[in-house]
Amino acid sequence: MPTSLFTPGPVGIITRSGTMSYEIAGLLTTEGLGQTTMVGMGGDPVVGTSLIELLDLFNQDPETKVVVVHGEIGGTQEERAAVFIRQKMTKPVIAYMTGRLPSRVADGACRSRVRQAEGCHGE
């Protein structure tokens, strides 16, 4: 990652994408907002830590004043994180969701998850 895009400051970043991690950090740095920590958790099905665990760590960190979350569509971690943010976060959170699925995949996947009421919020 281009280290010139990162600078110390009060913003925690959690992202599902390596490229978006330094894009977000670069935009913040350009605006004079540095970062406490950036965590690239990826979007693979085998996850070492959850979005909620990371949010909680940033919430406890006295140096972090605001958290930026870059999520992806098609999963449930972001939905569970939204509940955690609403109920437990004491710091502001800026969330940015990206991604798109081919309609044949989205339709089938969402239909099965809609029955469970998760994974396709807003569709």
Protein backbone atom coordinates (compact mmCIF):
# COMPACT_ATOMS: atom_id res chain seq x y z
CA MET A 1 0.00 0.00 0.00
CA PRO A 2 1.23 3.49 -0.76
CA THR A 3 2.27 4.73 2.68
CA SER A 4 2.20 8.34 1.50
CA LEU A 5 -1.62 8.17 1.61
CA PHE A 6 -1.67 7.45 5.35
CA THR A 7 -1.07 9.95 8.13
CA PRO A 8 -1.66 9.83 11.91
CA GLY A 9 -4.99 11.16 13.11
CA PRO A 10 -8.38 10.42 14.70
CA VAL A 11 -10.16 8.26 12.08
CA GLY A 12 -10.40 4.46 12.26
CA ILE A 13 -10.98 2.62 8.96
CA ILE A 14 -12.46 -0.84 8.43
CA THR A 15 -12.71 -2.04 4.85
CA ARG A 16 -13.50 -5.14 2.84
CA SER A 17 -11.22 -4.07 -0.01
CA GLY A 18 -7.48 -3.47 -0.12
CA THR A 19 -7.80 -0.85 -2.83
CA MET A 20 -10.58 0.97 -1.02
CA SER A 21 -8.51 1.03 2.18
CA TYR A 22 -5.86 3.27 0.72
CA GLU A 23 -8.38 5.19 -1.40
CA ILE A 24 -10.32 6.12 1.74
CA ALA A 25 -7.12 6.89 3.66
CA GLY A 26 -5.86 9.04 0.78
CA LEU A 27 -9.10 11.03 0.60
CA LEU A 28 -9.06 11.59 4.35
CA THR A 29 -5.38 12.59 4.32
CA THR A 30 -6.03 15.05 1.49
CA GLU A 31 -8.68 16.68 3.68
CA GLY A 32 -6.34 16.83 6.67
CA LEU A 33 -7.84 13.86 8.51
CA GLY A 34 -5.35 11.21 9.57
CA GLN A 35 -5.98 7.69 10.69
CA THR A 36 -5.50 5.82 13.97
CA THR A 37 -5.64 2.37 12.39
CA MET A 38 -6.78 0.84 9.11
CA VAL A 39 -8.03 -2.75 9.09
CA GLY A 40 -8.53 -4.54 5.78
CA MET A 41 -10.70 -7.50 6.70
CA GLY A 42 -11.44 -8.67 3.16
CA GLY A 43 -14.63 -10.20 1.92
CA ASP A 44 -13.67 -13.87 1.80
CA PRO A 45 -15.94 -16.45 3.43
CA VAL A 46 -13.26 -17.47 5.96
CA VAL A 47 -13.08 -14.49 8.26
CA GLY A 48 -10.65 -14.19 11.18
CA THR A 49 -12.56 -11.45 12.97
CA SER A 50 -15.98 -9.92 12.60
CA LEU A 51 -16.99 -6.40 11.71
CA ILE A 52 -18.62 -6.06 15.13
CA GLU A 53 -15.40 -7.07 16.91
CA LEU A 54 -13.48 -4.41 14.97
CA LEU A 55 -16.12 -1.75 15.62
CA ASP A 56 -15.97 -2.55 19.32
CA LEU A 57 -12.17 -2.20 19.35
CA PHE A 58 -12.40 1.21 17.67
CA ASN A 59 -15.16 2.20 20.09
CA GLN A 60 -12.83 1.42 23.01
CA ASP A 61 -9.79 3.16 21.47
CA PRO A 62 -9.36 6.61 23.04
CA GLU A 63 -7.40 7.88 20.02
CA THR A 64 -10.18 7.06 17.54
CA LYS A 65 -12.84 9.76 17.34
CA VAL A 66 -14.79 8.52 14.27
CA VAL A 67 -14.91 5.25 12.30
CA VAL A 68 -15.27 4.78 8.54
CA VAL A 69 -16.62 1.40 7.42
CA HIS A 70 -16.46 0.23 3.81
CA GLY A 71 -18.74 -2.77 3.42
CA GLU A 72 -19.93 -4.94 0.56
CA ILE A 73 -23.39 -6.05 -0.44
CA GLY A 74 -24.53 -9.63 -0.28
CA GLY A 75 -23.61 -10.55 3.27
CA THR A 76 -24.99 -10.26 6.74
CA GLN A 77 -22.02 -8.83 8.68
CA GLU A 78 -22.90 -5.30 7.61
CA GLU A 79 -26.51 -5.76 8.72
CA ARG A 80 -25.44 -7.06 12.13
CA ALA A 81 -22.92 -4.22 12.37
CA ALA A 82 -25.69 -1.67 11.72
CA VAL A 83 -27.56 -2.98 14.75
CA PHE A 84 -24.38 -2.86 16.84
CA ILE A 85 -23.68 0.70 15.69
CA ARG A 86 -27.18 1.83 16.57
CA GLN A 87 -27.21 0.12 19.97
CA LYS A 88 -23.62 0.26 21.24
CA MET A 89 -21.33 2.65 19.37
CA THR A 90 -20.60 5.89 21.19
CA LYS A 91 -18.56 7.33 18.31
CA PRO A 92 -19.79 8.50 14.92
CA VAL A 93 -19.64 5.89 12.14
CA ILE A 94 -19.61 6.66 8.42
CA ALA A 95 -20.60 3.61 6.38
CA TYR A 96 -20.06 3.17 2.66
CA MET A 97 -21.44 0.12 0.86
CA THR A 98 -20.25 -0.95 -2.59
CA GLY A 99 -20.63 -3.85 -4.95
CA ARG A 100 -23.01 -5.38 -7.36
CA LEU A 101 -24.05 -8.87 -8.21
CA PRO A 102 -25.29 -10.27 -11.51
CA SER A 103 -29.09 -10.25 -11.39
CA ARG A 104 -29.32 -14.04 -11.61
CA VAL A 105 -27.09 -14.40 -8.53
CA ALA A 106 -28.70 -11.56 -6.59
CA ASP A 107 -32.21 -12.80 -7.29
CA GLY A 108 -31.59 -16.37 -6.16
CA ALA A 109 -29.39 -15.47 -3.22
CA CYS A 110 -31.69 -12.73 -2.02
CA ARG A 111 -34.81 -14.83 -2.35
CA SER A 112 -33.34 -17.49 -0.09
CA ARG A 113 -32.12 -14.93 2.46
CA VAL A 114 -35.30 -12.86 2.37
CA ARG A 115 -37.03 -15.87 3.85
CA GLN A 116 -34.56 -15.54 6.71
CA ALA A 117 -34.92 -11.73 6.68
CA GLU A 118 -31.23 -11.03 6.23
CA GLY A 119 -28.60 -10.38 3.57
CA CYS A 120 -30.66 -8.31 1.13
CA HIS A 121 -31.80 -5.28 3.05
CA GLY A 122 -33.56 -2.82 0.80
CA GLU A 123 -34.06 -5.11 -2.20
